[in-house]
Amino acid sequence: MSIFAKAKSAALLALMVTMAQPAFADLAADKATVDAAKAAGSVGEEATGYLGFVSGSASPAITAAVNAINAARADVYAQTAAKSGVTRDAAGQATGAQLISKLPSGEYFKPLSGNWTKK
């Protein structure tokens, strides 16, 4: 793949991920639950584009909210992948990088090959 084609694919992926983010807004109650768990340090953003449990597990309500949001994200990543010609993992990782860059200080993230880190 030429440098131009790679740049075009990356730009298309970034645009599609940005356009897909409003789909997450439909999960307002789950988002509020997860936001509180992130602020408390029990849930964090992973570089894969999914949420994870910093301490290994959480309450059933938090677990259900994380699972619902991760399922919605998986759907968005699959749609993005199908439209842009990249893998679902690549779409997730592109979003993960964006989400981690926007995390407020004090919340946790997990790089692709690393441990949970407090921002």
N, C-alpha and C. Protein backbone atom coordinates (compact mmCIF):
# COMPACT_ATOMS: atom_id res chain seq x y z
N MET A 1 0.85 -1.17 0.00
CA MET A 1 0.00 0.00 0.00
C MET A 1 0.90 1.24 0.00
N SER A 2 0.59 2.18 -0.87
CA SER A 2 1.41 3.39 -0.97
C SER A 2 1.20 4.29 0.25
N ILE A 3 2.11 5.22 0.44
CA ILE A 3 2.00 6.18 1.54
C ILE A 3 0.72 6.98 1.40
N PHE A 4 0.37 7.37 0.17
CA PHE A 4 -0.86 8.12 -0.07
C PHE A 4 -2.07 7.30 0.33
N ALA A 5 -2.09 6.04 -0.05
CA ALA A 5 -3.23 5.17 0.28
C ALA A 5 -3.34 4.98 1.79
N LYS A 6 -2.20 4.82 2.47
CA LYS A 6 -2.22 4.68 3.93
C LYS A 6 -2.74 5.94 4.59
N ALA A 7 -2.29 7.09 4.13
CA ALA A 7 -2.74 8.36 4.69
C ALA A 7 -4.24 8.55 4.45
N LYS A 8 -4.69 8.18 3.25
CA LYS A 8 -6.11 8.30 2.92
C LYS A 8 -6.94 7.36 3.82
N SER A 9 -6.46 6.14 4.03
CA SER A 9 -7.15 5.19 4.90
C SER A 9 -7.20 5.69 6.33
N ALA A 10 -6.09 6.23 6.81
CA ALA A 10 -6.04 6.76 8.18
C ALA A 10 -7.00 7.93 8.35
N ALA A 11 -7.03 8.82 7.36
CA ALA A 11 -7.93 9.97 7.43
C ALA A 11 -9.38 9.52 7.39
N LEU A 12 -9.69 8.57 6.55
CA LEU A 12 -11.05 8.04 6.46
C LEU A 12 -11.45 7.39 7.77
N LEU A 13 -10.55 6.61 8.35
CA LEU A 13 -10.83 5.95 9.62
C LEU A 13 -11.09 6.98 10.71
N ALA A 14 -10.26 8.00 10.80
CA ALA A 14 -10.44 9.03 11.82
C ALA A 14 -11.78 9.73 11.65
N LEU A 15 -12.16 10.03 10.42
CA LEU A 15 -13.44 10.67 10.16
C LEU A 15 -14.60 9.77 10.55
N MET A 16 -14.52 8.50 10.20
CA MET A 16 -15.61 7.58 10.50
C MET A 16 -15.74 7.36 12.00
N VAL A 17 -14.63 7.26 12.70
CA VAL A 17 -14.69 7.07 14.15
C VAL A 17 -15.32 8.30 14.80
N THR A 18 -14.93 9.48 14.34
CA THR A 18 -15.50 10.71 14.87
C THR A 18 -16.99 10.77 14.62
N MET A 19 -17.41 10.37 13.44
CA MET A 19 -18.83 10.39 13.10
C MET A 19 -19.60 9.34 13.89
N ALA A 20 -18.98 8.24 14.26
CA ALA A 20 -19.67 7.16 14.94
C ALA A 20 -19.86 7.42 16.43
N GLN A 21 -19.11 8.33 17.01
CA GLN A 21 -19.16 8.54 18.45
C GLN A 21 -20.54 8.90 18.99
N PRO A 22 -21.42 9.64 18.27
CA PRO A 22 -22.74 9.91 18.82
C PRO A 22 -23.55 8.66 19.13
N ALA A 23 -23.23 7.53 18.52
CA ALA A 23 -23.93 6.29 18.83
C ALA A 23 -23.77 5.92 20.29
N PHE A 24 -22.66 6.33 20.90
CA PHE A 24 -22.43 6.04 22.31
C PHE A 24 -23.40 6.81 23.20
N ALA A 25 -23.89 7.95 22.72
CA ALA A 25 -24.76 8.81 23.53
C ALA A 25 -26.09 8.15 23.84
N ASP A 26 -26.49 7.14 23.07
CA ASP A 26 -27.75 6.45 23.31
C ASP A 26 -27.73 5.65 24.61
N LEU A 27 -26.57 5.46 25.16
CA LEU A 27 -26.42 4.66 26.37
C LEU A 27 -26.20 5.57 27.58
N ALA A 28 -27.05 6.59 27.73
CA ALA A 28 -26.84 7.64 28.74
C ALA A 28 -26.74 7.09 30.16
N ALA A 29 -27.63 6.21 30.55
CA ALA A 29 -27.60 5.67 31.92
C ALA A 29 -26.34 4.85 32.15
N ASP A 30 -25.98 4.02 31.17
CA ASP A 30 -24.77 3.23 31.30
C ASP A 30 -23.54 4.13 31.33
N LYS A 31 -23.56 5.17 30.53
CA LYS A 31 -22.44 6.11 30.49
C LYS A 31 -22.26 6.78 31.85
N ALA A 32 -23.36 7.19 32.47
CA ALA A 32 -23.28 7.83 33.79
C ALA A 32 -22.69 6.87 34.82
N THR A 33 -23.11 5.60 34.77
CA THR A 33 -22.59 4.59 35.69
C THR A 33 -21.10 4.39 35.46
N VAL A 34 -20.70 4.28 34.20
CA VAL A 34 -19.29 4.07 33.87
C VAL A 34 -18.46 5.30 34.21
N ASP A 35 -18.98 6.48 33.94
CA ASP A 35 -18.24 7.70 34.27
C ASP A 35 -17.95 7.77 35.77
N ALA A 36 -18.92 7.40 36.59
CA ALA A 36 -18.72 7.40 38.04
C ALA A 36 -17.67 6.36 38.43
N ALA A 37 -17.72 5.19 37.79
CA ALA A 37 -16.74 4.13 38.07
C ALA A 37 -15.34 4.53 37.62
N LYS A 38 -15.26 5.24 36.50
CA LYS A 38 -13.96 5.73 36.02
C LYS A 38 -13.40 6.76 37.00
N ALA A 39 -14.25 7.66 37.48
CA ALA A 39 -13.81 8.68 38.44
C ALA A 39 -13.36 8.03 39.75
N ALA A 40 -13.99 6.92 40.12
CA ALA A 40 -13.64 6.20 41.34
C ALA A 40 -12.41 5.31 41.16
N GLY A 41 -11.98 5.11 39.92
CA GLY A 41 -10.78 4.32 39.65
C GLY A 41 -10.99 2.83 39.50
N SER A 42 -12.23 2.40 39.34
CA SER A 42 -12.46 0.96 39.18
C SER A 42 -12.60 0.53 37.72
N VAL A 43 -12.85 1.49 36.83
CA VAL A 43 -12.98 1.21 35.39
C VAL A 43 -12.06 2.18 34.65
N GLY A 44 -11.47 1.70 33.56
CA GLY A 44 -10.59 2.56 32.77
C GLY A 44 -10.73 2.26 31.29
N GLU A 45 -10.10 3.11 30.49
CA GLU A 45 -10.09 2.94 29.04
C GLU A 45 -8.88 2.12 28.64
N GLU A 46 -9.09 1.16 27.76
CA GLU A 46 -8.00 0.35 27.24
C GLU A 46 -7.65 0.84 25.83
N ALA A 47 -6.40 0.67 25.45
CA ALA A 47 -5.95 1.09 24.11
C ALA A 47 -6.64 0.32 23.00
N THR A 48 -7.31 -0.76 23.34
CA THR A 48 -8.06 -1.53 22.36
C THR A 48 -9.35 -0.83 21.95
N GLY A 49 -9.73 0.21 22.71
CA GLY A 49 -10.98 0.91 22.44
C GLY A 49 -12.13 0.45 23.31
N TYR A 50 -11.85 -0.45 24.22
CA TYR A 50 -12.88 -0.97 25.11
C TYR A 50 -12.61 -0.54 26.55
N LEU A 51 -13.63 -0.63 27.37
CA LEU A 51 -13.49 -0.37 28.80
C LEU A 51 -12.99 -1.63 29.48
N GLY A 52 -12.29 -1.47 30.58
CA GLY A 52 -11.82 -2.61 31.35
C GLY A 52 -11.90 -2.32 32.83
N PHE A 53 -11.76 -3.37 33.62
CA PHE A 53 -11.82 -3.24 35.07
C PHE A 53 -10.41 -3.13 35.62
N VAL A 54 -10.14 -2.01 36.25
CA VAL A 54 -8.81 -1.73 36.77
C VAL A 54 -8.45 -2.72 37.88
N SER A 55 -9.40 -3.02 38.73
CA SER A 55 -9.12 -3.88 39.88
C SER A 55 -9.60 -5.32 39.68
N GLY A 56 -10.03 -5.68 38.51
CA GLY A 56 -10.41 -7.07 38.24
C GLY A 56 -11.90 -7.32 38.16
N SER A 57 -12.70 -6.65 38.98
CA SER A 57 -14.14 -6.86 38.93
C SER A 57 -14.85 -5.64 39.51
N ALA A 58 -16.16 -5.62 39.37
CA ALA A 58 -16.96 -4.51 39.87
C ALA A 58 -18.35 -5.02 40.22
N SER A 59 -19.19 -4.13 40.69
CA SER A 59 -20.56 -4.51 41.05
C SER A 59 -21.31 -4.96 39.80
N PRO A 60 -22.40 -5.69 39.99
CA PRO A 60 -23.19 -6.13 38.83
C PRO A 60 -23.69 -4.97 37.96
N ALA A 61 -24.05 -3.85 38.57
CA ALA A 61 -24.54 -2.70 37.80
C ALA A 61 -23.43 -2.11 36.93
N ILE A 62 -22.24 -1.98 37.50
CA ILE A 62 -21.11 -1.45 36.74
C ILE A 62 -20.71 -2.43 35.65
N THR A 63 -20.68 -3.70 35.98
CA THR A 63 -20.33 -4.73 34.99
C THR A 63 -21.31 -4.70 33.82
N ALA A 64 -22.60 -4.60 34.12
CA ALA A 64 -23.62 -4.56 33.06
C ALA A 64 -23.44 -3.31 32.18
N ALA A 65 -23.14 -2.17 32.80
CA ALA A 65 -22.94 -0.93 32.04
C ALA A 65 -21.70 -1.04 31.15
N VAL A 66 -20.62 -1.57 31.69
CA VAL A 66 -19.39 -1.75 30.90
C VAL A 66 -19.66 -2.69 29.73
N ASN A 67 -20.35 -3.79 29.99
CA ASN A 67 -20.65 -4.75 28.92
C ASN A 67 -21.52 -4.13 27.83
N ALA A 68 -22.51 -3.32 28.23
CA ALA A 68 -23.39 -2.68 27.24
C ALA A 68 -22.62 -1.68 26.38
N ILE A 69 -21.77 -0.89 27.01
CA ILE A 69 -21.00 0.09 26.25
C ILE A 69 -19.98 -0.62 25.35
N ASN A 70 -19.32 -1.65 25.87
CA ASN A 70 -18.37 -2.39 25.04
C ASN A 70 -19.05 -3.05 23.85
N ALA A 71 -20.26 -3.55 24.04
CA ALA A 71 -21.00 -4.16 22.93
C ALA A 71 -21.35 -3.10 21.87
N ALA A 72 -21.76 -1.93 22.32
CA ALA A 72 -22.07 -0.85 21.38
C ALA A 72 -20.81 -0.41 20.64
N ARG A 73 -19.70 -0.33 21.36
CA ARG A 73 -18.44 0.04 20.72
C ARG A 73 -18.04 -1.01 19.68
N ALA A 74 -18.20 -2.28 20.00
CA ALA A 74 -17.85 -3.35 19.06
C ALA A 74 -18.66 -3.20 17.77
N ASP A 75 -19.94 -2.87 17.90
CA ASP A 75 -20.78 -2.66 16.72
C ASP A 75 -20.27 -1.49 15.88
N VAL A 76 -19.93 -0.40 16.54
CA VAL A 76 -19.42 0.78 15.82
C VAL A 76 -18.10 0.44 15.13
N TYR A 77 -17.22 -0.27 15.83
CA TYR A 77 -15.93 -0.62 15.24
C TYR A 77 -16.12 -1.54 14.04
N ALA A 78 -17.07 -2.46 14.12
CA ALA A 78 -17.33 -3.35 12.99
C ALA A 78 -17.86 -2.56 11.79
N GLN A 79 -18.76 -1.60 12.05
CA GLN A 79 -19.30 -0.77 10.97
C GLN A 79 -18.19 0.09 10.35
N THR A 80 -17.37 0.66 11.21
CA THR A 80 -16.26 1.49 10.72
C THR A 80 -15.30 0.66 9.88
N ALA A 81 -15.00 -0.54 10.36
CA ALA A 81 -14.09 -1.43 9.64
C ALA A 81 -14.65 -1.78 8.26
N ALA A 82 -15.94 -2.10 8.23
CA ALA A 82 -16.56 -2.48 6.96
C ALA A 82 -16.55 -1.33 5.95
N LYS A 83 -16.73 -0.12 6.44
CA LYS A 83 -16.79 1.04 5.55
C LYS A 83 -15.41 1.53 5.12
N SER A 84 -14.42 1.32 5.97
CA SER A 84 -13.10 1.91 5.70
C SER A 84 -12.06 0.91 5.21
N GLY A 85 -12.36 -0.38 5.30
CA GLY A 85 -11.42 -1.38 4.84
C GLY A 85 -10.30 -1.70 5.82
N VAL A 86 -10.46 -1.29 7.07
CA VAL A 86 -9.49 -1.66 8.10
C VAL A 86 -10.10 -2.75 8.97
N THR A 87 -9.32 -3.32 9.85
CA THR A 87 -9.86 -4.34 10.74
C THR A 87 -10.65 -3.69 11.88
N ARG A 88 -11.50 -4.47 12.51
CA ARG A 88 -12.24 -3.98 13.68
C ARG A 88 -11.27 -3.60 14.79
N ASP A 89 -10.20 -4.39 14.94
CA ASP A 89 -9.20 -4.06 15.96
C ASP A 89 -8.55 -2.71 15.69
N ALA A 90 -8.24 -2.42 14.43
CA ALA A 90 -7.63 -1.14 14.08
C ALA A 90 -8.60 0.01 14.37
N ALA A 91 -9.87 -0.18 14.07
CA ALA A 91 -10.87 0.84 14.36
C ALA A 91 -10.97 1.07 15.87
N GLY A 92 -10.95 -0.01 16.63
CA GLY A 92 -11.00 0.10 18.09
C GLY A 92 -9.77 0.80 18.64
N GLN A 93 -8.62 0.46 18.13
CA GLN A 93 -7.38 1.07 18.61
C GLN A 93 -7.33 2.56 18.27
N ALA A 94 -7.84 2.94 17.12
CA ALA A 94 -7.87 4.37 16.75
C ALA A 94 -8.76 5.14 17.72
N THR A 95 -9.91 4.56 18.05
CA THR A 95 -10.80 5.19 19.01
C THR A 95 -10.19 5.18 20.41
N GLY A 96 -9.56 4.06 20.77
CA GLY A 96 -8.91 3.97 22.08
C GLY A 96 -7.89 5.07 22.28
N ALA A 97 -7.10 5.34 21.25
CA ALA A 97 -6.10 6.41 21.34
C ALA A 97 -6.77 7.76 21.57
N GLN A 98 -7.88 8.01 20.87
CA GLN A 98 -8.61 9.26 21.06
C GLN A 98 -9.19 9.37 22.46
N LEU A 99 -9.79 8.28 22.94
CA LEU A 99 -10.41 8.30 24.26
C LEU A 99 -9.37 8.50 25.35
N ILE A 100 -8.24 7.83 25.23
CA ILE A 100 -7.18 7.96 26.24
C ILE A 100 -6.62 9.38 26.24
N SER A 101 -6.48 9.97 25.07
CA SER A 101 -5.93 11.33 25.00
C SER A 101 -6.86 12.34 25.66
N LYS A 102 -8.15 12.03 25.75
CA LYS A 102 -9.13 12.95 26.32
C LYS A 102 -9.43 12.66 27.79
N LEU A 103 -8.83 11.62 28.36
CA LEU A 103 -9.09 11.29 29.76
C LEU A 103 -8.66 12.42 30.68
N PRO A 104 -9.48 12.70 31.67
CA PRO A 104 -9.05 13.70 32.66
C PRO A 104 -7.98 13.11 33.58
N SER A 105 -7.23 13.98 34.17
CA SER A 105 -6.20 13.57 35.12
C SER A 105 -6.84 12.76 36.25
N GLY A 106 -6.18 11.70 36.64
CA GLY A 106 -6.67 10.86 37.73
C GLY A 106 -7.40 9.61 37.30
N GLU A 107 -7.78 9.52 36.01
CA GLU A 107 -8.46 8.31 35.53
C GLU A 107 -7.43 7.35 34.96
N TYR A 108 -7.83 6.08 34.84
CA TYR A 108 -6.92 5.02 34.43
C TYR A 108 -7.06 4.67 32.96
N PHE A 109 -5.93 4.28 32.38
CA PHE A 109 -5.90 3.75 31.02
C PHE A 109 -4.90 2.60 30.98
N LYS A 110 -5.07 1.75 29.96
CA LYS A 110 -4.19 0.60 29.80
C LYS A 110 -3.68 0.56 28.36
N PRO A 111 -2.36 0.77 28.17
CA PRO A 111 -1.79 0.69 26.82
C PRO A 111 -1.89 -0.75 26.29
N LEU A 112 -1.67 -0.91 24.99
CA LEU A 112 -1.78 -2.25 24.37
C LEU A 112 -0.88 -3.27 25.06
N SER A 113 0.32 -2.90 25.38
CA SER A 113 1.23 -3.87 26.03
C SER A 113 1.74 -3.28 27.33
N GLY A 114 0.83 -3.12 28.27
CA GLY A 114 1.23 -2.53 29.53
C GLY A 114 0.20 -2.76 30.61
N ASN A 115 0.43 -2.10 31.71
CA ASN A 115 -0.44 -2.22 32.87
C ASN A 115 -1.28 -0.96 33.03
N TRP A 116 -2.26 -1.03 33.89
CA TRP A 116 -3.08 0.12 34.16
C TRP A 116 -2.22 1.25 34.68
N THR A 117 -2.48 2.44 34.16
CA THR A 117 -1.71 3.63 34.51
C THR A 117 -2.68 4.76 34.82
N LYS A 118 -2.39 5.50 35.86
CA LYS A 118 -3.22 6.65 36.21
C LYS A 118 -2.71 7.85 35.43
N LYS A 119 -3.61 8.53 34.76
CA LYS A 119 -3.22 9.70 33.96
C LYS A 119 -2.99 10.90 34.85
